[in-house]
Amino acid sequence: MRLPVFRTLFTTALLTLALAPLSASLQAAEAFKMGVVDPQSVLEKSKAGKKALEGLKEYVTTRQKLLSHDEEELRNTEKQLKESAAKLSDAEKKEKEAQFRSKIQDYQRRAQEFNQELQGKQKELVDDYMKRISSATQTVAEKGGFALVVDKGSEQTVKIVIYNKDTIDLTEQVVKEFDRVNK
């Protein structure tokens, strides 16, 4: 009668030893924490990010006003050219048309330079803020014990994460940390 009890104890001990590595790997898997962050939201929701985006918006508005003024000037010049075309000699008409084409080319060049400047400013802003957002994300991840934080992405950018639980979305925490560091 003692034999079945011994066999049960022995079997239990063997199963415990056999399952120990599996149990350890399950515990390790539970210890692995992963989070997601939406850097675009951090930029848009943080105080410093809002301020930077507002500055960029003012820059664009100022440049747009200059370009709109140039467009209006071109329309007026074109209108005057059409109105006076009948009164001008062929040589004068050609000269006025050449001046008008030159103004159009100047406008196009200015518009292209503006777009290049804007792209440069946007890239500079994004690069600078991505470094800051990465730093804030690292701080939040280390405090929370997260081993991995992935860029959530958005509709405007490449969407990396298709689904996540709200409990692993660290965006709001990163916004708070970002604001704390970037006053």
N, C-alpha and C. Protein backbone atom coordinates (compact mmCIF):
# COMPACT_ATOMS: atom_id res chain seq x y z
N MET A 1 0.79 -1.19 0.00
CA MET A 1 0.00 0.00 0.00
C MET A 1 0.84 1.27 0.00
N ARG A 2 1.99 1.18 0.53
CA ARG A 2 2.87 2.33 0.51
C ARG A 2 3.38 2.63 -0.91
N LEU A 3 3.46 1.68 -1.71
CA LEU A 3 3.98 1.83 -3.05
C LEU A 3 3.17 2.84 -3.88
N PRO A 4 1.85 2.79 -3.94
CA PRO A 4 1.11 3.78 -4.72
C PRO A 4 1.32 5.21 -4.20
N VAL A 5 1.44 5.40 -2.91
CA VAL A 5 1.66 6.74 -2.37
C VAL A 5 3.04 7.22 -2.80
N PHE A 6 4.04 6.33 -2.72
CA PHE A 6 5.40 6.67 -3.14
C PHE A 6 5.41 7.01 -4.64
N ARG A 7 4.70 6.20 -5.43
CA ARG A 7 4.64 6.43 -6.88
C ARG A 7 3.99 7.80 -7.16
N THR A 8 2.94 8.16 -6.47
CA THR A 8 2.28 9.44 -6.66
C THR A 8 3.22 10.58 -6.30
N LEU A 9 3.93 10.45 -5.19
CA LEU A 9 4.88 11.48 -4.78
C LEU A 9 6.01 11.60 -5.79
N PHE A 10 6.50 10.45 -6.26
CA PHE A 10 7.59 10.44 -7.24
C PHE A 10 7.14 11.09 -8.56
N THR A 11 5.93 10.73 -9.01
CA THR A 11 5.39 11.30 -10.25
C THR A 11 5.21 12.81 -10.11
N THR A 12 4.70 13.24 -8.96
CA THR A 12 4.53 14.67 -8.72
C THR A 12 5.86 15.39 -8.73
N ALA A 13 6.86 14.79 -8.12
CA ALA A 13 8.20 15.40 -8.10
C ALA A 13 8.77 15.50 -9.51
N LEU A 14 8.61 14.45 -10.32
CA LEU A 14 9.11 14.47 -11.69
C LEU A 14 8.38 15.54 -12.52
N LEU A 15 7.07 15.62 -12.37
CA LEU A 15 6.31 16.64 -13.10
C LEU A 15 6.74 18.04 -12.69
N THR A 16 6.97 18.23 -11.40
CA THR A 16 7.41 19.54 -10.92
C THR A 16 8.75 19.90 -11.52
N LEU A 17 9.68 18.93 -11.56
CA LEU A 17 10.99 19.18 -12.16
C LEU A 17 10.88 19.42 -13.67
N ALA A 18 10.04 18.68 -14.30
CA ALA A 18 9.89 18.83 -15.75
C ALA A 18 9.22 20.15 -16.11
N LEU A 19 8.29 20.58 -15.31
CA LEU A 19 7.56 21.81 -15.62
C LEU A 19 8.24 23.07 -15.08
N ALA A 20 9.26 22.91 -14.27
CA ALA A 20 9.95 24.06 -13.70
C ALA A 20 10.48 25.02 -14.77
N PRO A 21 11.16 24.51 -15.82
CA PRO A 21 11.63 25.45 -16.85
C PRO A 21 10.46 26.16 -17.56
N LEU A 22 9.38 25.44 -17.79
CA LEU A 22 8.22 26.04 -18.43
C LEU A 22 7.63 27.12 -17.53
N SER A 23 7.56 26.85 -16.26
CA SER A 23 7.05 27.82 -15.31
C SER A 23 7.94 29.06 -15.26
N ALA A 24 9.25 28.85 -15.29
CA ALA A 24 10.19 29.97 -15.27
C ALA A 24 10.03 30.82 -16.52
N SER A 25 9.84 30.16 -17.68
CA SER A 25 9.68 30.93 -18.91
C SER A 25 8.35 31.68 -18.91
N LEU A 26 7.31 31.10 -18.31
CA LEU A 26 6.04 31.81 -18.19
C LEU A 26 6.18 33.02 -17.28
N GLN A 27 6.93 32.87 -16.18
CA GLN A 27 7.16 34.00 -15.29
C GLN A 27 7.98 35.08 -16.00
N ALA A 28 8.96 34.67 -16.80
CA ALA A 28 9.76 35.64 -17.55
C ALA A 28 8.89 36.36 -18.57
N ALA A 29 7.97 35.63 -19.20
CA ALA A 29 7.07 36.25 -20.16
C ALA A 29 6.15 37.26 -19.47
N GLU A 30 5.71 36.92 -18.27
CA GLU A 30 4.88 37.86 -17.53
C GLU A 30 5.68 39.09 -17.13
N ALA A 31 6.97 38.96 -16.88
CA ALA A 31 7.80 40.08 -16.47
C ALA A 31 8.11 41.01 -17.64
N PHE A 32 7.99 40.53 -18.86
CA PHE A 32 8.26 41.33 -20.05
C PHE A 32 7.06 42.26 -20.28
N LYS A 33 7.31 43.54 -20.16
CA LYS A 33 6.24 44.52 -20.37
C LYS A 33 6.54 45.31 -21.63
N MET A 34 5.50 45.49 -22.41
CA MET A 34 5.63 46.22 -23.66
C MET A 34 4.61 47.36 -23.66
N GLY A 35 5.00 48.50 -24.21
CA GLY A 35 4.10 49.64 -24.29
C GLY A 35 4.12 50.25 -25.67
N VAL A 36 3.18 51.14 -25.91
CA VAL A 36 3.13 51.86 -27.18
C VAL A 36 3.02 53.36 -26.89
N VAL A 37 3.53 54.16 -27.81
CA VAL A 37 3.47 55.62 -27.70
C VAL A 37 3.16 56.19 -29.08
N ASP A 38 2.36 57.23 -29.10
CA ASP A 38 2.06 57.95 -30.33
C ASP A 38 2.83 59.27 -30.28
N PRO A 39 4.04 59.34 -30.88
CA PRO A 39 4.85 60.56 -30.82
C PRO A 39 4.14 61.79 -31.38
N GLN A 40 3.31 61.62 -32.39
CA GLN A 40 2.58 62.75 -32.97
C GLN A 40 1.65 63.35 -31.92
N SER A 41 0.99 62.50 -31.16
CA SER A 41 0.11 63.00 -30.08
C SER A 41 0.90 63.71 -29.01
N VAL A 42 2.09 63.18 -28.69
CA VAL A 42 2.92 63.84 -27.69
C VAL A 42 3.27 65.25 -28.17
N LEU A 43 3.64 65.37 -29.42
CA LEU A 43 3.97 66.68 -29.98
C LEU A 43 2.77 67.62 -29.95
N GLU A 44 1.60 67.11 -30.31
CA GLU A 44 0.40 67.94 -30.40
C GLU A 44 -0.20 68.27 -29.05
N LYS A 45 -0.03 67.40 -28.04
CA LYS A 45 -0.67 67.60 -26.74
C LYS A 45 0.23 68.26 -25.70
N SER A 46 1.53 68.16 -25.87
CA SER A 46 2.44 68.73 -24.87
C SER A 46 2.50 70.25 -25.04
N LYS A 47 2.80 70.93 -23.94
CA LYS A 47 2.86 72.40 -23.97
C LYS A 47 3.96 72.88 -24.91
N ALA A 48 5.14 72.29 -24.80
CA ALA A 48 6.27 72.70 -25.65
C ALA A 48 5.98 72.35 -27.12
N GLY A 49 5.36 71.21 -27.35
CA GLY A 49 5.02 70.81 -28.71
C GLY A 49 4.00 71.74 -29.33
N LYS A 50 2.98 72.10 -28.56
CA LYS A 50 1.97 73.04 -29.06
C LYS A 50 2.61 74.37 -29.42
N LYS A 51 3.52 74.82 -28.55
CA LYS A 51 4.20 76.10 -28.78
C LYS A 51 5.03 76.04 -30.07
N ALA A 52 5.74 74.94 -30.27
CA ALA A 52 6.56 74.79 -31.48
C ALA A 52 5.69 74.72 -32.73
N LEU A 53 4.59 73.98 -32.65
CA LEU A 53 3.69 73.88 -33.80
C LEU A 53 3.04 75.22 -34.10
N GLU A 54 2.72 75.97 -33.06
CA GLU A 54 2.15 77.31 -33.25
C GLU A 54 3.16 78.23 -33.93
N GLY A 55 4.43 78.15 -33.52
CA GLY A 55 5.48 78.94 -34.16
C GLY A 55 5.64 78.59 -35.63
N LEU A 56 5.56 77.31 -35.93
CA LEU A 56 5.64 76.87 -37.33
C LEU A 56 4.44 77.37 -38.12
N LYS A 57 3.28 77.34 -37.49
CA LYS A 57 2.06 77.81 -38.14
C LYS A 57 2.15 79.31 -38.44
N GLU A 58 2.69 80.09 -37.50
CA GLU A 58 2.86 81.53 -37.72
C GLU A 58 3.83 81.79 -38.87
N TYR A 59 4.90 81.00 -38.92
CA TYR A 59 5.87 81.12 -40.00
C TYR A 59 5.19 80.88 -41.35
N VAL A 60 4.38 79.83 -41.42
CA VAL A 60 3.67 79.50 -42.66
C VAL A 60 2.70 80.62 -43.02
N THR A 61 1.98 81.12 -42.04
CA THR A 61 1.00 82.18 -42.30
C THR A 61 1.68 83.43 -42.85
N THR A 62 2.81 83.81 -42.26
CA THR A 62 3.55 84.98 -42.74
C THR A 62 4.00 84.79 -44.18
N ARG A 63 4.55 83.62 -44.47
CA ARG A 63 5.02 83.35 -45.83
C ARG A 63 3.85 83.31 -46.82
N GLN A 64 2.73 82.74 -46.38
CA GLN A 64 1.56 82.66 -47.25
C GLN A 64 1.05 84.06 -47.59
N LYS A 65 1.09 84.96 -46.62
CA LYS A 65 0.66 86.35 -46.87
C LYS A 65 1.55 87.00 -47.93
N LEU A 66 2.85 86.76 -47.82
CA LEU A 66 3.78 87.32 -48.81
C LEU A 66 3.49 86.77 -50.21
N LEU A 67 3.27 85.46 -50.28
CA LEU A 67 2.98 84.84 -51.58
C LEU A 67 1.63 85.31 -52.12
N SER A 68 0.65 85.48 -51.24
CA SER A 68 -0.67 85.97 -51.68
C SER A 68 -0.56 87.39 -52.24
N HIS A 69 0.27 88.20 -51.58
CA HIS A 69 0.49 89.57 -52.06
C HIS A 69 1.12 89.52 -53.46
N ASP A 70 2.10 88.64 -53.64
CA ASP A 70 2.75 88.50 -54.95
C ASP A 70 1.76 88.01 -56.00
N GLU A 71 0.88 87.08 -55.63
CA GLU A 71 -0.13 86.58 -56.57
C GLU A 71 -1.06 87.71 -57.01
N GLU A 72 -1.49 88.52 -56.06
CA GLU A 72 -2.38 89.65 -56.36
C GLU A 72 -1.69 90.62 -57.32
N GLU A 73 -0.43 90.86 -57.05
CA GLU A 73 0.35 91.74 -57.92
C GLU A 73 0.43 91.18 -59.34
N LEU A 74 0.63 89.90 -59.45
CA LEU A 74 0.68 89.25 -60.77
C LEU A 74 -0.66 89.37 -61.50
N ARG A 75 -1.74 89.16 -60.77
CA ARG A 75 -3.07 89.28 -61.40
C ARG A 75 -3.31 90.71 -61.90
N ASN A 76 -2.92 91.68 -61.10
CA ASN A 76 -3.09 93.08 -61.51
C ASN A 76 -2.24 93.40 -62.74
N THR A 77 -1.01 92.91 -62.73
CA THR A 77 -0.11 93.14 -63.87
C THR A 77 -0.68 92.50 -65.13
N GLU A 78 -1.20 91.28 -64.99
CA GLU A 78 -1.79 90.58 -66.13
C GLU A 78 -3.02 91.34 -66.66
N LYS A 79 -3.84 91.81 -65.73
CA LYS A 79 -5.04 92.57 -66.12
C LYS A 79 -4.64 93.84 -66.87
N GLN A 80 -3.65 94.58 -66.35
CA GLN A 80 -3.18 95.81 -67.00
C GLN A 80 -2.61 95.50 -68.38
N LEU A 81 -1.90 94.40 -68.46
CA LEU A 81 -1.29 94.00 -69.74
C LEU A 81 -2.38 93.72 -70.78
N LYS A 82 -3.43 93.03 -70.37
CA LYS A 82 -4.52 92.72 -71.30
C LYS A 82 -5.27 93.99 -71.72
N GLU A 83 -5.47 94.89 -70.77
CA GLU A 83 -6.20 96.12 -71.06
C GLU A 83 -5.41 97.05 -72.00
N SER A 84 -4.11 97.07 -71.83
CA SER A 84 -3.31 97.99 -72.63
C SER A 84 -2.71 97.34 -73.87
N ALA A 85 -2.96 96.08 -74.08
CA ALA A 85 -2.36 95.37 -75.21
C ALA A 85 -2.71 96.00 -76.55
N ALA A 86 -3.92 96.45 -76.70
CA ALA A 86 -4.35 97.02 -77.98
C ALA A 86 -3.67 98.36 -78.26
N LYS A 87 -3.29 99.06 -77.21
CA LYS A 87 -2.69 100.38 -77.36
C LYS A 87 -1.17 100.34 -77.57
N LEU A 88 -0.57 99.19 -77.28
CA LEU A 88 0.89 99.07 -77.34
C LEU A 88 1.37 98.60 -78.70
N SER A 89 2.56 99.03 -79.04
CA SER A 89 3.19 98.52 -80.27
C SER A 89 3.65 97.09 -80.00
N ASP A 90 3.99 96.38 -81.05
CA ASP A 90 4.44 94.99 -80.89
C ASP A 90 5.68 94.91 -80.01
N ALA A 91 6.60 95.82 -80.16
CA ALA A 91 7.84 95.82 -79.37
C ALA A 91 7.53 96.07 -77.89
N GLU A 92 6.63 97.04 -77.63
CA GLU A 92 6.26 97.33 -76.24
C GLU A 92 5.50 96.14 -75.63
N LYS A 93 4.64 95.54 -76.42
CA LYS A 93 3.86 94.39 -75.95
C LYS A 93 4.80 93.24 -75.58
N LYS A 94 5.79 92.97 -76.44
CA LYS A 94 6.75 91.89 -76.17
C LYS A 94 7.55 92.18 -74.90
N GLU A 95 7.93 93.45 -74.75
CA GLU A 95 8.71 93.85 -73.57
C GLU A 95 7.87 93.66 -72.30
N LYS A 96 6.61 94.09 -72.31
CA LYS A 96 5.72 93.94 -71.14
C LYS A 96 5.47 92.46 -70.84
N GLU A 97 5.30 91.66 -71.87
CA GLU A 97 5.08 90.21 -71.69
C GLU A 97 6.33 89.56 -71.09
N ALA A 98 7.50 89.99 -71.55
CA ALA A 98 8.76 89.46 -71.00
C ALA A 98 8.89 89.84 -69.53
N GLN A 99 8.53 91.07 -69.18
CA GLN A 99 8.58 91.50 -67.78
C GLN A 99 7.60 90.68 -66.93
N PHE A 100 6.43 90.42 -67.50
CA PHE A 100 5.42 89.63 -66.80
C PHE A 100 5.91 88.20 -66.56
N ARG A 101 6.49 87.60 -67.60
CA ARG A 101 7.04 86.23 -67.46
C ARG A 101 8.15 86.20 -66.41
N SER A 102 8.95 87.24 -66.39
CA SER A 102 10.03 87.34 -65.40
C SER A 102 9.44 87.39 -63.98
N LYS A 103 8.36 88.17 -63.81
CA LYS A 103 7.71 88.26 -62.50
C LYS A 103 7.12 86.90 -62.09
N ILE A 104 6.56 86.19 -63.06
CA ILE A 104 6.01 84.86 -62.78
C ILE A 104 7.13 83.92 -62.33
N GLN A 105 8.25 83.96 -63.03
CA GLN A 105 9.38 83.11 -62.66
C GLN A 105 9.90 83.45 -61.26
N ASP A 106 9.96 84.76 -60.95
CA ASP A 106 10.39 85.19 -59.61
C ASP A 106 9.43 84.65 -58.55
N TYR A 107 8.13 84.75 -58.85
CA TYR A 107 7.13 84.24 -57.91
C TYR A 107 7.29 82.73 -57.71
N GLN A 108 7.45 82.01 -58.80
CA GLN A 108 7.61 80.55 -58.70
C GLN A 108 8.86 80.18 -57.92
N ARG A 109 9.94 80.93 -58.14
CA ARG A 109 11.18 80.67 -57.42
C ARG A 109 10.99 80.92 -55.93
N ARG A 110 10.33 82.04 -55.59
CA ARG A 110 10.06 82.36 -54.17
C ARG A 110 9.19 81.29 -53.52
N ALA A 111 8.17 80.84 -54.25
CA ALA A 111 7.28 79.80 -53.72
C ALA A 111 8.05 78.50 -53.48
N GLN A 112 8.93 78.16 -54.41
CA GLN A 112 9.74 76.95 -54.27
C GLN A 112 10.71 77.09 -53.08
N GLU A 113 11.34 78.25 -52.96
CA GLU A 113 12.24 78.48 -51.82
C GLU A 113 11.48 78.40 -50.50
N PHE A 114 10.26 78.95 -50.48
CA PHE A 114 9.44 78.88 -49.29
C PHE A 114 9.14 77.43 -48.92
N ASN A 115 8.76 76.63 -49.90
CA ASN A 115 8.46 75.22 -49.64
C ASN A 115 9.69 74.48 -49.12
N GLN A 116 10.86 74.77 -49.68
CA GLN A 116 12.09 74.13 -49.21
C GLN A 116 12.41 74.56 -47.78
N GLU A 117 12.25 75.87 -47.49
CA GLU A 117 12.48 76.36 -46.13
C GLU A 117 11.52 75.69 -45.15
N LEU A 118 10.26 75.59 -45.55
CA LEU A 118 9.25 74.98 -44.69
C LEU A 118 9.58 73.51 -44.43
N GLN A 119 9.96 72.79 -45.46
CA GLN A 119 10.33 71.38 -45.28
C GLN A 119 11.53 71.26 -44.35
N GLY A 120 12.50 72.15 -44.50
CA GLY A 120 13.67 72.14 -43.63
C GLY A 120 13.29 72.42 -42.18
N LYS A 121 12.43 73.41 -41.97
CA LYS A 121 11.98 73.74 -40.61
C LYS A 121 11.19 72.59 -40.00
N GLN A 122 10.32 71.97 -40.81
CA GLN A 122 9.54 70.83 -40.31
C GLN A 122 10.46 69.68 -39.93
N LYS A 123 11.44 69.39 -40.78
CA LYS A 123 12.37 68.29 -40.49
C LYS A 123 13.17 68.60 -39.22
N GLU A 124 13.63 69.83 -39.10
CA GLU A 124 14.39 70.24 -37.93
C GLU A 124 13.54 70.09 -36.66
N LEU A 125 12.29 70.53 -36.73
CA LEU A 125 11.38 70.43 -35.59
C LEU A 125 11.14 68.96 -35.23
N VAL A 126 10.84 68.13 -36.22
CA VAL A 126 10.56 66.72 -35.97
C VAL A 126 11.79 66.02 -35.39
N ASP A 127 12.96 66.26 -35.97
CA ASP A 127 14.18 65.63 -35.46
C ASP A 127 14.45 66.02 -34.02
N ASP A 128 14.34 67.31 -33.72
CA ASP A 128 14.58 67.79 -32.37
C ASP A 128 13.59 67.19 -31.38
N TYR A 129 12.31 67.24 -31.75
CA TYR A 129 11.29 66.75 -30.83
C TYR A 129 11.29 65.22 -30.71
N MET A 130 11.67 64.51 -31.75
CA MET A 130 11.75 63.04 -31.63
C MET A 130 12.83 62.65 -30.63
N LYS A 131 13.94 63.39 -30.58
CA LYS A 131 14.96 63.12 -29.58
C LYS A 131 14.40 63.35 -28.19
N ARG A 132 13.69 64.44 -28.01
CA ARG A 132 13.11 64.77 -26.70
C ARG A 132 12.03 63.76 -26.31
N ILE A 133 11.20 63.39 -27.28
CA ILE A 133 10.12 62.42 -27.01
C ILE A 133 10.73 61.07 -26.67
N SER A 134 11.79 60.69 -27.37
CA SER A 134 12.46 59.41 -27.07
C SER A 134 13.01 59.41 -25.65
N SER A 135 13.58 60.53 -25.25
CA SER A 135 14.13 60.64 -23.90
C SER A 135 13.02 60.53 -22.86
N ALA A 136 11.91 61.23 -23.07
CA ALA A 136 10.78 61.17 -22.14
C ALA A 136 10.19 59.76 -22.11
N THR A 137 10.11 59.12 -23.28
CA THR A 137 9.59 57.75 -23.36
C THR A 137 10.49 56.79 -22.59
N GLN A 138 11.79 56.96 -22.73
CA GLN A 138 12.74 56.11 -22.01
C GLN A 138 12.55 56.26 -20.51
N THR A 139 12.39 57.48 -20.03
CA THR A 139 12.19 57.72 -18.60
C THR A 139 10.92 57.03 -18.11
N VAL A 140 9.82 57.19 -18.84
CA VAL A 140 8.55 56.56 -18.46
C VAL A 140 8.68 55.04 -18.49
N ALA A 141 9.33 54.51 -19.53
CA ALA A 141 9.49 53.05 -19.66
C ALA A 141 10.32 52.49 -18.52
N GLU A 142 11.40 53.16 -18.18
CA GLU A 142 12.25 52.67 -17.09
C GLU A 142 11.52 52.72 -15.76
N LYS A 143 10.76 53.79 -15.50
CA LYS A 143 9.99 53.89 -14.26
C LYS A 143 8.92 52.81 -14.19
N GLY A 144 8.31 52.50 -15.32
CA GLY A 144 7.22 51.52 -15.35
C GLY A 144 7.67 50.09 -15.56
N GLY A 145 8.96 49.88 -15.76
CA GLY A 145 9.46 48.53 -15.97
C GLY A 145 9.14 47.95 -17.35
N PHE A 146 9.00 48.81 -18.33
CA PHE A 146 8.71 48.34 -19.68
C PHE A 146 10.02 47.99 -20.38
N ALA A 147 10.04 46.80 -20.99
CA ALA A 147 11.24 46.34 -21.70
C ALA A 147 11.26 46.85 -23.14
N LEU A 148 10.09 47.16 -23.67
CA LEU A 148 10.00 47.56 -25.07
C LEU A 148 8.85 48.56 -25.22
N VAL A 149 9.10 49.66 -25.95
CA VAL A 149 8.05 50.62 -26.28
C VAL A 149 8.11 50.83 -27.79
N VAL A 150 6.96 50.66 -28.43
CA VAL A 150 6.86 50.72 -29.89
C VAL A 150 6.10 51.98 -30.29
N ASP A 151 6.52 52.60 -31.40
CA ASP A 151 5.83 53.74 -31.98
C ASP A 151 4.48 53.24 -32.49
N LYS A 152 3.42 53.79 -31.95
CA LYS A 152 2.07 53.36 -32.30
C LYS A 152 1.73 53.70 -33.75
N GLY A 153 2.27 54.81 -34.24
CA GLY A 153 1.95 55.24 -35.59
C GLY A 153 0.57 55.89 -35.62
N SER A 154 0.20 56.41 -36.76
CA SER A 154 -1.11 57.06 -36.89
C SER A 154 -1.57 56.94 -38.34
N GLU A 155 -2.72 57.52 -38.58
CA GLU A 155 -3.26 57.49 -39.95
C GLU A 155 -2.38 58.29 -40.91
N GLN A 156 -1.72 59.35 -40.40
CA GLN A 156 -0.87 60.19 -41.25
C GLN A 156 0.48 59.54 -41.51
N THR A 157 0.94 58.72 -40.57
CA THR A 157 2.23 58.06 -40.73
C THR A 157 2.00 56.57 -40.93
N VAL A 158 3.04 55.81 -40.93
CA VAL A 158 2.91 54.37 -41.07
C VAL A 158 2.31 53.83 -39.77
N LYS A 159 1.22 53.11 -39.87
CA LYS A 159 0.57 52.55 -38.70
C LYS A 159 1.27 51.23 -38.37
N ILE A 160 1.99 51.24 -37.24
CA ILE A 160 2.77 50.08 -36.85
C ILE A 160 1.95 49.13 -35.99
N VAL A 161 1.22 49.69 -35.03
CA VAL A 161 0.44 48.88 -34.10
C VAL A 161 -1.01 48.89 -34.58
N ILE A 162 -1.55 47.70 -34.77
CA ILE A 162 -2.93 47.60 -35.22
C ILE A 162 -3.89 47.58 -34.03
N TYR A 163 -3.47 46.93 -32.95
CA TYR A 163 -4.31 46.86 -31.75
C TYR A 163 -3.41 46.91 -30.53
N ASN A 164 -3.89 47.57 -29.49
CA ASN A 164 -3.23 47.52 -28.20
C ASN A 164 -4.25 47.81 -27.11
N LYS A 165 -4.00 47.25 -25.95
CA LYS A 165 -4.85 47.55 -24.80
C LYS A 165 -4.50 48.94 -24.32
N ASP A 166 -5.48 49.63 -23.81
CA ASP A 166 -5.23 50.99 -23.30
C ASP A 166 -4.21 50.98 -22.17
N THR A 167 -4.11 49.87 -21.47
CA THR A 167 -3.19 49.81 -20.33
C THR A 167 -1.73 49.87 -20.74
N ILE A 168 -1.42 49.58 -22.01
CA ILE A 168 -0.02 49.64 -22.42
C ILE A 168 0.28 50.89 -23.25
N ASP A 169 -0.72 51.75 -23.46
CA ASP A 169 -0.50 53.00 -24.19
C ASP A 169 0.08 54.02 -23.22
N LEU A 170 1.32 54.38 -23.42
CA LEU A 170 2.06 55.27 -22.53
C LEU A 170 2.04 56.73 -22.98
N THR A 171 1.27 57.03 -24.01
CA THR A 171 1.31 58.37 -24.62
C THR A 171 1.04 59.47 -23.60
N GLU A 172 0.00 59.34 -22.80
CA GLU A 172 -0.33 60.40 -21.83
C GLU A 172 0.77 60.55 -20.79
N GLN A 173 1.35 59.44 -20.35
CA GLN A 173 2.45 59.51 -19.38
C GLN A 173 3.66 60.20 -20.00
N VAL A 174 3.91 59.91 -21.27
CA VAL A 174 5.05 60.54 -21.96
C VAL A 174 4.79 62.04 -22.14
N VAL A 175 3.54 62.43 -22.42
CA VAL A 175 3.21 63.86 -22.53
C VAL A 175 3.52 64.56 -21.21
N LYS A 176 3.12 63.95 -20.09
CA LYS A 176 3.38 64.54 -18.77
C LYS A 176 4.88 64.65 -18.50
N GLU A 177 5.63 63.60 -18.81
CA GLU A 177 7.08 63.61 -18.60
C GLU A 177 7.74 64.64 -19.52
N PHE A 178 7.27 64.70 -20.75
CA PHE A 178 7.80 65.65 -21.73
C PHE A 178 7.58 67.08 -21.24
N ASP A 179 6.37 67.36 -20.74
CA ASP A 179 6.08 68.69 -20.21
C ASP A 179 6.92 69.00 -18.97
N ARG A 180 7.15 67.99 -18.16
CA ARG A 180 7.95 68.19 -16.94
C ARG A 180 9.38 68.60 -17.29
N VAL A 181 9.93 67.96 -18.28
CA VAL A 181 11.33 68.20 -18.67
C VAL A 181 11.47 69.42 -19.57
N ASN A 182 10.51 69.68 -20.44
CA ASN A 182 10.59 70.76 -21.44
C ASN A 182 9.65 71.91 -21.08
N LYS A 183 9.97 72.64 -20.08
CA LYS A 183 9.10 73.75 -19.63
C LYS A 183 9.32 74.99 -20.45
